[in-house]
Amino acid sequence: MKHTLYILFAILVVVIFNDIVIAQPGLPTAPSQAPIDGGLGLLAAAGGAYAYKKLRDRKKQDDIEI
């Protein structure tokens, strides 16, 4: 009986402390969030243009080899 109470108490302690230890913080407030604006769009457009240029150059090189 005594061992059963110790085991139940240990399980209860583990369950309670598990919730406390694994708790996640809340979302950040408005000022600390990072803005994502036009710079990301410009970077995506530049990447698309670079990929288009590489594909066009590869097609020209394939046409020359044939």
PDB file of N, CA and C in Angstrom:
ATOM      1  N   MET A   1       0.825  -1.185   0.000  1.00  0.00           N
ATOM      2  CA  MET A   1       0.000   0.000   0.000  1.00  0.00           C
ATOM      3  C   MET A   1       0.873   1.254   0.000  1.00  0.00           C
ATOM      4  N   LYS A   2       1.957   1.203   0.797  1.00  0.00           N
ATOM      5  CA  LYS A   2       2.828   2.358   0.893  1.00  0.00           C
ATOM      6  C   LYS A   2       3.533   2.634  -0.432  1.00  0.00           C
ATOM      7  N   HIS A   3       3.960   1.573  -1.126  1.00  0.00           N
ATOM      8  CA  HIS A   3       4.625   1.724  -2.414  1.00  0.00           C
ATOM      9  C   HIS A   3       3.658   2.260  -3.470  1.00  0.00           C
ATOM     10  N   THR A   4       2.421   1.853  -3.393  1.00  0.00           N
ATOM     11  CA  THR A   4       1.414   2.321  -4.343  1.00  0.00           C
ATOM     12  C   THR A   4       1.196   3.821  -4.195  1.00  0.00           C
ATOM     13  N   LEU A   5       1.169   4.318  -2.965  1.00  0.00           N
ATOM     14  CA  LEU A   5       1.010   5.752  -2.749  1.00  0.00           C
ATOM     15  C   LEU A   5       2.219   6.521  -3.267  1.00  0.00           C
ATOM     16  N   TYR A   6       3.425   5.989  -3.065  1.00  0.00           N
ATOM     17  CA  TYR A   6       4.626   6.633  -3.583  1.00  0.00           C
ATOM     18  C   TYR A   6       4.601   6.688  -5.117  1.00  0.00           C
ATOM     19  N   ILE A   7       4.177   5.612  -5.745  1.00  0.00           N
ATOM     20  CA  ILE A   7       4.116   5.572  -7.201  1.00  0.00           C
ATOM     21  C   ILE A   7       3.078   6.563  -7.722  1.00  0.00           C
ATOM     22  N   LEU A   8       1.900   6.611  -7.097  1.00  0.00           N
ATOM     23  CA  LEU A   8       0.868   7.560  -7.512  1.00  0.00           C
ATOM     24  C   LEU A   8       1.337   9.004  -7.317  1.00  0.00           C
ATOM     25  N   PHE A   9       2.000   9.254  -6.211  1.00  0.00           N
ATOM     26  CA  PHE A   9       2.523  10.600  -5.954  1.00  0.00           C
ATOM     27  C   PHE A   9       3.586  10.968  -6.983  1.00  0.00           C
ATOM     28  N   ALA A  10       4.458  10.040  -7.333  1.00  0.00           N
ATOM     29  CA  ALA A  10       5.501  10.291  -8.325  1.00  0.00           C
ATOM     30  C   ALA A  10       4.883  10.571  -9.697  1.00  0.00           C
ATOM     31  N   ILE A  11       3.866   9.812 -10.071  1.00  0.00           N
ATOM     32  CA  ILE A  11       3.192  10.039 -11.350  1.00  0.00           C
ATOM     33  C   ILE A  11       2.519  11.405 -11.353  1.00  0.00           C
ATOM     34  N   LEU A  12       1.893  11.784 -10.265  1.00  0.00           N
ATOM     35  CA  LEU A  12       1.235  13.075 -10.159  1.00  0.00           C
ATOM     36  C   LEU A  12       2.255  14.218 -10.283  1.00  0.00           C
ATOM     37  N   VAL A  13       3.373  14.092  -9.629  1.00  0.00           N
ATOM     38  CA  VAL A  13       4.421  15.113  -9.694  1.00  0.00           C
ATOM     39  C   VAL A  13       4.971  15.230 -11.115  1.00  0.00           C
ATOM     40  N   VAL A  14       5.195  14.106 -11.763  1.00  0.00           N
ATOM     41  CA  VAL A  14       5.720  14.125 -13.129  1.00  0.00           C
ATOM     42  C   VAL A  14       4.722  14.785 -14.076  1.00  0.00           C
ATOM     43  N   VAL A  15       3.446  14.508 -13.935  1.00  0.00           N
ATOM     44  CA  VAL A  15       2.435  15.091 -14.806  1.00  0.00           C
ATOM     45  C   VAL A  15       2.342  16.598 -14.593  1.00  0.00           C
ATOM     46  N   ILE A  16       2.369  17.050 -13.353  1.00  0.00           N
ATOM     47  CA  ILE A  16       2.265  18.479 -13.054  1.00  0.00           C
ATOM     48  C   ILE A  16       3.507  19.220 -13.545  1.00  0.00           C
ATOM     49  N   PHE A  17       4.688  18.727 -13.245  1.00  0.00           N
ATOM     50  CA  PHE A  17       5.914  19.409 -13.660  1.00  0.00           C
ATOM     51  C   PHE A  17       6.143  19.310 -15.163  1.00  0.00           C
ATOM     52  N   ASN A  18       5.620  18.286 -15.795  1.00  0.00           N
ATOM     53  CA  ASN A  18       5.737  18.156 -17.242  1.00  0.00           C
ATOM     54  C   ASN A  18       5.033  19.317 -17.930  1.00  0.00           C
ATOM     55  N   ASP A  19       3.852  19.681 -17.483  1.00  0.00           N
ATOM     56  CA  ASP A  19       3.136  20.812 -18.064  1.00  0.00           C
ATOM     57  C   ASP A  19       3.875  22.120 -17.829  1.00  0.00           C
ATOM     58  N   ILE A  20       4.489  22.279 -16.689  1.00  0.00           N
ATOM     59  CA  ILE A  20       5.205  23.518 -16.377  1.00  0.00           C
ATOM     60  C   ILE A  20       6.487  23.629 -17.198  1.00  0.00           C
ATOM     61  N   VAL A  21       7.223  22.549 -17.326  1.00  0.00           N
ATOM     62  CA  VAL A  21       8.506  22.576 -18.012  1.00  0.00           C
ATOM     63  C   VAL A  21       8.337  22.723 -19.523  1.00  0.00           C
ATOM     64  N   ILE A  22       7.332  22.090 -20.100  1.00  0.00           N
ATOM     65  CA  ILE A  22       7.159  22.090 -21.546  1.00  0.00           C
ATOM     66  C   ILE A  22       6.295  23.263 -22.016  1.00  0.00           C
ATOM     67  N   ALA A  23       5.841  24.119 -21.152  1.00  0.00           N
ATOM     68  CA  ALA A  23       4.991  25.243 -21.532  1.00  0.00           C
ATOM     69  C   ALA A  23       5.710  26.162 -22.512  1.00  0.00           C
ATOM     70  N   GLN A  24       5.002  26.606 -23.542  1.00  0.00           N
ATOM     71  CA  GLN A  24       5.565  27.472 -24.572  1.00  0.00           C
ATOM     72  C   GLN A  24       5.216  28.922 -24.273  1.00  0.00           C
ATOM     73  N   PRO A  25       6.103  29.850 -24.622  1.00  0.00           N
ATOM     74  CA  PRO A  25       5.782  31.262 -24.427  1.00  0.00           C
ATOM     75  C   PRO A  25       4.732  31.722 -25.433  1.00  0.00           C
ATOM     76  N   GLY A  26       4.099  32.842 -25.158  1.00  0.00           N
ATOM     77  CA  GLY A  26       3.080  33.371 -26.052  1.00  0.00           C
ATOM     78  C   GLY A  26       3.681  34.014 -27.291  1.00  0.00           C
ATOM     79  N   LEU A  27       2.824  34.520 -28.162  1.00  0.00           N
ATOM     80  CA  LEU A  27       3.279  35.187 -29.374  1.00  0.00           C
ATOM     81  C   LEU A  27       3.916  36.523 -29.033  1.00  0.00           C
ATOM     82  N   PRO A  28       4.847  36.985 -29.852  1.00  0.00           N
ATOM     83  CA  PRO A  28       5.472  38.281 -29.571  1.00  0.00           C
ATOM     84  C   PRO A  28       4.491  39.424 -29.783  1.00  0.00           C
ATOM     85  N   THR A  29       4.765  40.518 -29.148  1.00  0.00           N
ATOM     86  CA  THR A  29       3.911  41.691 -29.308  1.00  0.00           C
ATOM     87  C   THR A  29       4.190  42.349 -30.654  1.00  0.00           C
ATOM     88  N   ALA A  30       3.378  43.320 -31.028  1.00  0.00           N
ATOM     89  CA  ALA A  30       3.464  43.937 -32.350  1.00  0.00           C
ATOM     90  C   ALA A  30       4.826  44.581 -32.647  1.00  0.00           C
ATOM     91  N   PRO A  31       5.466  45.327 -31.758  1.00  0.00           N
ATOM     92  CA  PRO A  31       6.729  45.976 -32.120  1.00  0.00           C
ATOM     93  C   PRO A  31       7.893  45.014 -32.357  1.00  0.00           C
ATOM     94  N   SER A  32       7.892  43.841 -31.751  1.00  0.00           N
ATOM     95  CA  SER A  32       9.049  42.960 -31.885  1.00  0.00           C
ATOM     96  C   SER A  32       8.939  42.010 -33.067  1.00  0.00           C
ATOM     97  N   GLN A  33       7.880  42.094 -33.844  1.00  0.00           N
ATOM     98  CA  GLN A  33       7.751  41.231 -35.007  1.00  0.00           C
ATOM     99  C   GLN A  33       8.525  41.822 -36.181  1.00  0.00           C
ATOM    100  N   ALA A  34       9.077  40.957 -37.013  1.00  0.00           N
ATOM    101  CA  ALA A  34       9.887  41.410 -38.147  1.00  0.00           C
ATOM    102  C   ALA A  34       8.986  41.760 -39.326  1.00  0.00           C
ATOM    103  N   PRO A  35       9.180  42.926 -39.931  1.00  0.00           N
ATOM    104  CA  PRO A  35       8.363  43.292 -41.089  1.00  0.00           C
ATOM    105  C   PRO A  35       8.861  42.587 -42.354  1.00  0.00           C
ATOM    106  N   ILE A  36       7.931  42.112 -43.144  1.00  0.00           N
ATOM    107  CA  ILE A  36       8.262  41.521 -44.439  1.00  0.00           C
ATOM    108  C   ILE A  36       7.539  42.388 -45.471  1.00  0.00           C
ATOM    109  N   ASP A  37       8.296  43.157 -46.232  1.00  0.00           N
ATOM    110  CA  ASP A  37       7.676  44.095 -47.161  1.00  0.00           C
ATOM    111  C   ASP A  37       8.258  43.929 -48.558  1.00  0.00           C
ATOM    112  N   GLY A  38       8.409  44.988 -49.292  1.00  0.00           N
ATOM    113  CA  GLY A  38       8.832  44.959 -50.687  1.00  0.00           C
ATOM    114  C   GLY A  38      10.188  44.338 -50.927  1.00  0.00           C
ATOM    115  N   GLY A  39      11.059  44.347 -49.975  1.00  0.00           N
ATOM    116  CA  GLY A  39      12.396  43.784 -50.170  1.00  0.00           C
ATOM    117  C   GLY A  39      12.349  42.310 -50.511  1.00  0.00           C
ATOM    118  N   LEU A  40      11.442  41.585 -49.885  1.00  0.00           N
ATOM    119  CA  LEU A  40      11.320  40.163 -50.163  1.00  0.00           C
ATOM    120  C   LEU A  40      10.781  39.932 -51.567  1.00  0.00           C
ATOM    121  N   GLY A  41       9.856  40.782 -52.011  1.00  0.00           N
ATOM    122  CA  GLY A  41       9.327  40.673 -53.373  1.00  0.00           C
ATOM    123  C   GLY A  41      10.395  40.957 -54.415  1.00  0.00           C
ATOM    124  N   LEU A  42      11.236  41.967 -54.159  1.00  0.00           N
ATOM    125  CA  LEU A  42      12.327  42.275 -55.085  1.00  0.00           C
ATOM    126  C   LEU A  42      13.334  41.128 -55.161  1.00  0.00           C
ATOM    127  N   LEU A  43      13.607  40.514 -54.028  1.00  0.00           N
ATOM    128  CA  LEU A  43      14.532  39.389 -54.002  1.00  0.00           C
ATOM    129  C   LEU A  43      13.976  38.208 -54.791  1.00  0.00           C
ATOM    130  N   ALA A  44      12.676  37.938 -54.660  1.00  0.00           N
ATOM    131  CA  ALA A  44      12.049  36.852 -55.417  1.00  0.00           C
ATOM    132  C   ALA A  44      12.061  37.161 -56.914  1.00  0.00           C
ATOM    133  N   ALA A  45      11.800  38.416 -57.287  1.00  0.00           N
ATOM    134  CA  ALA A  45      11.818  38.795 -58.704  1.00  0.00           C
ATOM    135  C   ALA A  45      13.224  38.654 -59.289  1.00  0.00           C
ATOM    136  N   ALA A  46      14.230  39.050 -58.541  1.00  0.00           N
ATOM    137  CA  ALA A  46      15.608  38.920 -59.006  1.00  0.00           C
ATOM    138  C   ALA A  46      15.983  37.441 -59.172  1.00  0.00           C
ATOM    139  N   GLY A  47      15.543  36.612 -58.263  1.00  0.00           N
ATOM    140  CA  GLY A  47      15.819  35.179 -58.378  1.00  0.00           C
ATOM    141  C   GLY A  47      15.139  34.569 -59.588  1.00  0.00           C
ATOM    142  N   GLY A  48      13.904  34.989 -59.860  1.00  0.00           N
ATOM    143  CA  GLY A  48      13.201  34.505 -61.046  1.00  0.00           C
ATOM    144  C   GLY A  48      13.882  34.941 -62.326  1.00  0.00           C
ATOM    145  N   ALA A  49      14.338  36.194 -62.372  1.00  0.00           N
ATOM    146  CA  ALA A  49      15.028  36.696 -63.556  1.00  0.00           C
ATOM    147  C   ALA A  49      16.348  35.950 -63.777  1.00  0.00           C
ATOM    148  N   TYR A  50      17.053  35.660 -62.720  1.00  0.00           N
ATOM    149  CA  TYR A  50      18.317  34.920 -62.826  1.00  0.00           C
ATOM    150  C   TYR A  50      18.072  33.496 -63.325  1.00  0.00           C
ATOM    151  N   ALA A  51      17.022  32.858 -62.814  1.00  0.00           N
ATOM    152  CA  ALA A  51      16.695  31.504 -63.267  1.00  0.00           C
ATOM    153  C   ALA A  51      16.298  31.508 -64.735  1.00  0.00           C
ATOM    154  N   TYR A  52      15.524  32.512 -65.166  1.00  0.00           N
ATOM    155  CA  TYR A  52      15.126  32.626 -66.571  1.00  0.00           C
ATOM    156  C   TYR A  52      16.356  32.804 -67.467  1.00  0.00           C
ATOM    157  N   LYS A  53      17.301  33.634 -67.031  1.00  0.00           N
ATOM    158  CA  LYS A  53      18.526  33.854 -67.808  1.00  0.00           C
ATOM    159  C   LYS A  53      19.327  32.562 -67.939  1.00  0.00           C
ATOM    160  N   LYS A  54      19.449  31.818 -66.844  1.00  0.00           N
ATOM    161  CA  LYS A  54      20.204  30.563 -66.881  1.00  0.00           C
ATOM    162  C   LYS A  54      19.531  29.551 -67.807  1.00  0.00           C
ATOM    163  N   LEU A  55      18.210  29.461 -67.778  1.00  0.00           N
ATOM    164  CA  LEU A  55      17.511  28.530 -68.659  1.00  0.00           C
ATOM    165  C   LEU A  55      17.655  28.939 -70.122  1.00  0.00           C
ATOM    166  N   ARG A  56      17.573  30.244 -70.412  1.00  0.00           N
ATOM    167  CA  ARG A  56      17.720  30.739 -71.778  1.00  0.00           C
ATOM    168  C   ARG A  56      19.133  30.463 -72.297  1.00  0.00           C
ATOM    169  N   ASP A  57      20.151  30.706 -71.442  1.00  0.00           N
ATOM    170  CA  ASP A  57      21.536  30.428 -71.840  1.00  0.00           C
ATOM    171  C   ASP A  57      21.755  28.941 -72.093  1.00  0.00           C
ATOM    172  N   ARG A  58      21.144  28.089 -71.288  1.00  0.00           N
ATOM    173  CA  ARG A  58      21.295  26.643 -71.478  1.00  0.00           C
ATOM    174  C   ARG A  58      20.646  26.215 -72.795  1.00  0.00           C
ATOM    175  N   LYS A  59      19.482  26.792 -73.114  1.00  0.00           N
ATOM    176  CA  LYS A  59      18.819  26.459 -74.374  1.00  0.00           C
ATOM    177  C   LYS A  59      19.663  26.903 -75.565  1.00  0.00           C
ATOM    178  N   LYS A  60      20.256  28.097 -75.491  1.00  0.00           N
ATOM    179  CA  LYS A  60      21.129  28.572 -76.569  1.00  0.00           C
ATOM    180  C   LYS A  60      22.332  27.649 -76.733  1.00  0.00           C
ATOM    181  N   GLN A  61      22.909  27.195 -75.625  1.00  0.00           N
ATOM    182  CA  GLN A  61      24.085  26.318 -75.680  1.00  0.00           C
ATOM    183  C   GLN A  61      23.703  24.971 -76.267  1.00  0.00           C
ATOM    184  N   ASP A  62      22.506  24.448 -75.932  1.00  0.00           N
ATOM    185  CA  ASP A  62      22.057  23.178 -76.497  1.00  0.00           C
ATOM    186  C   ASP A  62      21.821  23.304 -77.997  1.00  0.00           C
ATOM    187  N   ASP A  63      21.301  24.454 -78.453  1.00  0.00           N
ATOM    188  CA  ASP A  63      21.070  24.664 -79.881  1.00  0.00           C
ATOM    189  C   ASP A  63      22.387  24.732 -80.649  1.00  0.00           C
ATOM    190  N   ILE A  64      23.422  25.305 -80.052  1.00  0.00           N
ATOM    191  CA  ILE A  64      24.726  25.413 -80.701  1.00  0.00           C
ATOM    192  C   ILE A  64      25.382  24.041 -80.832  1.00  0.00           C
ATOM    193  N   GLU A  65      25.251  23.171 -79.837  1.00  0.00           N
ATOM    194  CA  GLU A  65      25.878  21.855 -79.848  1.00  0.00           C
ATOM    195  C   GLU A  65      25.233  20.919 -80.856  1.00  0.00           C
ATOM    196  N   ILE A  66      24.011  21.124 -81.218  1.00  0.00           N
ATOM    197  CA  ILE A  66      23.324  20.217 -82.141  1.00  0.00           C
ATOM    198  C   ILE A  66      23.734  20.506 -83.523  1.00  0.00           C
TER     199      ILE A  66
END
